[in-house]
Amino acid sequence: MSATVAMILALAVGTYAFRLVGPVLHGRVQLPVRVQELLSAGAVVLLVALLATGALTEGGDWAGWARPAGVLAGGVLAWRRAPFLVVVLGAAITTAALRALGVE
């Protein structure tokens, strides 16, 4: 067995073990309220960072103004509780319209 195959198998076993820990320890381990709050805040920060890098960069460079404007339009529509299809189409149409007008 090569080192690559061994590493893939080790990562696969670790991944499934990590996923199994949640259901197995669900009722047995109680996290303090402060830790639960920090985990919740950490998840929000991680999602915002992912959104920012996806909305503002392309290939490590600035994506231009059209994409962030489209993401902002989609965010506003989502905040106003528009249906998902309307959110996606609104963001896409905003980005496409700005690019058609020459805004990069």
C-alpha atoms as a PDB file:
ATOM      1  CA  MET A   1       0.000   0.000   0.000  1.00  0.00           C
ATOM      2  CA  SER A   2       1.418   3.352  -0.989  1.00  0.00           C
ATOM      3  CA  ALA A   3       1.694   6.299   1.379  1.00  0.00           C
ATOM      4  CA  THR A   4      -0.974   8.180  -0.565  1.00  0.00           C
ATOM      5  CA  VAL A   5      -3.525   5.387  -0.205  1.00  0.00           C
ATOM      6  CA  ALA A   6      -2.691   5.035   3.482  1.00  0.00           C
ATOM      7  CA  MET A   7      -3.181   8.774   4.007  1.00  0.00           C
ATOM      8  CA  ILE A   8      -6.523   8.729   2.183  1.00  0.00           C
ATOM      9  CA  LEU A   9      -7.727   5.796   4.285  1.00  0.00           C
ATOM     10  CA  ALA A  10      -6.566   7.469   7.507  1.00  0.00           C
ATOM     11  CA  LEU A  11      -8.386  10.683   6.603  1.00  0.00           C
ATOM     12  CA  ALA A  12     -11.531   8.746   5.668  1.00  0.00           C
ATOM     13  CA  VAL A  13     -11.538   6.866   8.984  1.00  0.00           C
ATOM     14  CA  GLY A  14     -10.904  10.096  10.880  1.00  0.00           C
ATOM     15  CA  THR A  15     -13.727  11.867   9.056  1.00  0.00           C
ATOM     16  CA  TYR A  16     -16.269   9.147   9.793  1.00  0.00           C
ATOM     17  CA  ALA A  17     -15.088   8.874  13.408  1.00  0.00           C
ATOM     18  CA  PHE A  18     -15.506  12.619  13.824  1.00  0.00           C
ATOM     19  CA  ARG A  19     -19.025  12.437  12.378  1.00  0.00           C
ATOM     20  CA  LEU A  20     -19.904   9.499  14.627  1.00  0.00           C
ATOM     21  CA  VAL A  21     -18.855  11.319  17.814  1.00  0.00           C
ATOM     22  CA  GLY A  22     -21.780  13.765  17.586  1.00  0.00           C
ATOM     23  CA  PRO A  23     -24.633  11.258  17.743  1.00  0.00           C
ATOM     24  CA  VAL A  24     -22.795   9.001  20.215  1.00  0.00           C
ATOM     25  CA  LEU A  25     -22.036  11.780  22.723  1.00  0.00           C
ATOM     26  CA  HIS A  26     -25.201  13.826  22.125  1.00  0.00           C
ATOM     27  CA  GLY A  27     -26.875  13.246  25.488  1.00  0.00           C
ATOM     28  CA  ARG A  28     -23.743  12.513  27.492  1.00  0.00           C
ATOM     29  CA  VAL A  29     -21.737  15.711  27.148  1.00  0.00           C
ATOM     30  CA  GLN A  30     -23.143  19.111  28.098  1.00  0.00           C
ATOM     31  CA  LEU A  31     -21.198  22.163  26.957  1.00  0.00           C
ATOM     32  CA  PRO A  32     -21.277  25.302  29.087  1.00  0.00           C
ATOM     33  CA  VAL A  33     -23.524  28.098  27.817  1.00  0.00           C
ATOM     34  CA  ARG A  34     -20.522  30.346  27.111  1.00  0.00           C
ATOM     35  CA  VAL A  35     -18.898  27.672  24.922  1.00  0.00           C
ATOM     36  CA  GLN A  36     -22.177  27.220  23.007  1.00  0.00           C
ATOM     37  CA  GLU A  37     -22.338  30.996  22.417  1.00  0.00           C
ATOM     38  CA  LEU A  38     -18.729  31.073  21.207  1.00  0.00           C
ATOM     39  CA  LEU A  39     -19.318  28.152  18.841  1.00  0.00           C
ATOM     40  CA  SER A  40     -22.388  29.870  17.443  1.00  0.00           C
ATOM     41  CA  ALA A  41     -20.485  33.138  16.953  1.00  0.00           C
ATOM     42  CA  GLY A  42     -17.600  31.234  15.361  1.00  0.00           C
ATOM     43  CA  ALA A  43     -19.941  29.667  12.824  1.00  0.00           C
ATOM     44  CA  VAL A  44     -21.302  33.091  11.877  1.00  0.00           C
ATOM     45  CA  VAL A  45     -17.794  34.536  11.505  1.00  0.00           C
ATOM     46  CA  LEU A  46     -16.737  31.597   9.343  1.00  0.00           C
ATOM     47  CA  LEU A  47     -19.757  31.998   7.047  1.00  0.00           C
ATOM     48  CA  VAL A  48     -19.190  35.756   6.713  1.00  0.00           C
ATOM     49  CA  ALA A  49     -15.525  35.176   5.834  1.00  0.00           C
ATOM     50  CA  LEU A  50     -16.526  32.602   3.226  1.00  0.00           C
ATOM     51  CA  LEU A  51     -19.098  34.989   1.773  1.00  0.00           C
ATOM     52  CA  ALA A  52     -16.591  37.855   1.680  1.00  0.00           C
ATOM     53  CA  THR A  53     -13.891  35.877  -0.114  1.00  0.00           C
ATOM     54  CA  GLY A  54     -16.399  34.474  -2.603  1.00  0.00           C
ATOM     55  CA  ALA A  55     -18.038  37.829  -3.260  1.00  0.00           C
ATOM     56  CA  LEU A  56     -14.986  40.062  -3.398  1.00  0.00           C
ATOM     57  CA  THR A  57     -12.230  37.971  -4.966  1.00  0.00           C
ATOM     58  CA  GLU A  58     -11.676  35.881  -8.060  1.00  0.00           C
ATOM     59  CA  GLY A  59      -8.483  33.903  -8.383  1.00  0.00           C
ATOM     60  CA  GLY A  60      -6.881  35.873  -5.563  1.00  0.00           C
ATOM     61  CA  ASP A  61      -7.574  39.229  -7.207  1.00  0.00           C
ATOM     62  CA  TRP A  62     -10.323  41.826  -6.823  1.00  0.00           C
ATOM     63  CA  ALA A  63     -13.494  40.611  -8.555  1.00  0.00           C
ATOM     64  CA  GLY A  64     -14.652  44.098  -9.540  1.00  0.00           C
ATOM     65  CA  TRP A  65     -17.759  46.008  -8.473  1.00  0.00           C
ATOM     66  CA  ALA A  66     -20.437  44.004 -10.314  1.00  0.00           C
ATOM     67  CA  ARG A  67     -20.169  40.831  -8.243  1.00  0.00           C
ATOM     68  CA  PRO A  68     -20.302  42.494  -4.797  1.00  0.00           C
ATOM     69  CA  ALA A  69     -23.255  44.587  -5.997  1.00  0.00           C
ATOM     70  CA  GLY A  70     -25.049  41.408  -7.052  1.00  0.00           C
ATOM     71  CA  VAL A  71     -24.314  39.768  -3.709  1.00  0.00           C
ATOM     72  CA  LEU A  72     -25.600  42.875  -1.941  1.00  0.00           C
ATOM     73  CA  ALA A  73     -28.790  42.817  -4.024  1.00  0.00           C
ATOM     74  CA  GLY A  74     -29.288  39.146  -3.194  1.00  0.00           C
ATOM     75  CA  GLY A  75     -28.637  39.844   0.484  1.00  0.00           C
ATOM     76  CA  VAL A  76     -31.222  42.619   0.539  1.00  0.00           C
ATOM     77  CA  LEU A  77     -33.777  40.363  -1.161  1.00  0.00           C
ATOM     78  CA  ALA A  78     -33.049  37.565   1.316  1.00  0.00           C
ATOM     79  CA  TRP A  79     -33.335  40.003   4.217  1.00  0.00           C
ATOM     80  CA  ARG A  80     -36.730  41.077   2.861  1.00  0.00           C
ATOM     81  CA  ARG A  81     -37.659  37.360   2.864  1.00  0.00           C
ATOM     82  CA  ALA A  82     -38.026  36.999  -0.882  1.00  0.00           C
ATOM     83  CA  PRO A  83     -38.295  33.439  -2.228  1.00  0.00           C
ATOM     84  CA  PHE A  84     -34.978  31.743  -2.925  1.00  0.00           C
ATOM     85  CA  LEU A  85     -35.452  31.812  -6.698  1.00  0.00           C
ATOM     86  CA  VAL A  86     -36.094  35.561  -6.575  1.00  0.00           C
ATOM     87  CA  VAL A  87     -32.954  36.073  -4.481  1.00  0.00           C
ATOM     88  CA  VAL A  88     -30.765  34.124  -6.900  1.00  0.00           C
ATOM     89  CA  LEU A  89     -32.275  35.724  -9.998  1.00  0.00           C
ATOM     90  CA  GLY A  90     -32.067  39.204  -8.465  1.00  0.00           C
ATOM     91  CA  ALA A  91     -28.377  38.775  -7.687  1.00  0.00           C
ATOM     92  CA  ALA A  92     -27.636  37.324 -11.127  1.00  0.00           C
ATOM     93  CA  ILE A  93     -29.603  39.998 -12.975  1.00  0.00           C
ATOM     94  CA  THR A  94     -27.946  42.786 -10.981  1.00  0.00           C
ATOM     95  CA  THR A  95     -24.481  41.434 -11.724  1.00  0.00           C
ATOM     96  CA  ALA A  96     -25.259  40.825 -15.399  1.00  0.00           C
ATOM     97  CA  ALA A  97     -26.814  44.276 -15.855  1.00  0.00           C
ATOM     98  CA  LEU A  98     -23.813  46.007 -14.306  1.00  0.00           C
ATOM     99  CA  ARG A  99     -21.408  44.015 -16.450  1.00  0.00           C
ATOM    100  CA  ALA A 100     -23.489  44.833 -19.557  1.00  0.00           C
ATOM    101  CA  LEU A 101     -23.156  48.499 -18.655  1.00  0.00           C
ATOM    102  CA  GLY A 102     -19.370  48.120 -18.510  1.00  0.00           C
ATOM    103  CA  VAL A 103     -18.962  47.985 -14.743  1.00  0.00           C
ATOM    104  CA  GLU A 104     -16.368  45.369 -13.915  1.00  0.00           C
END
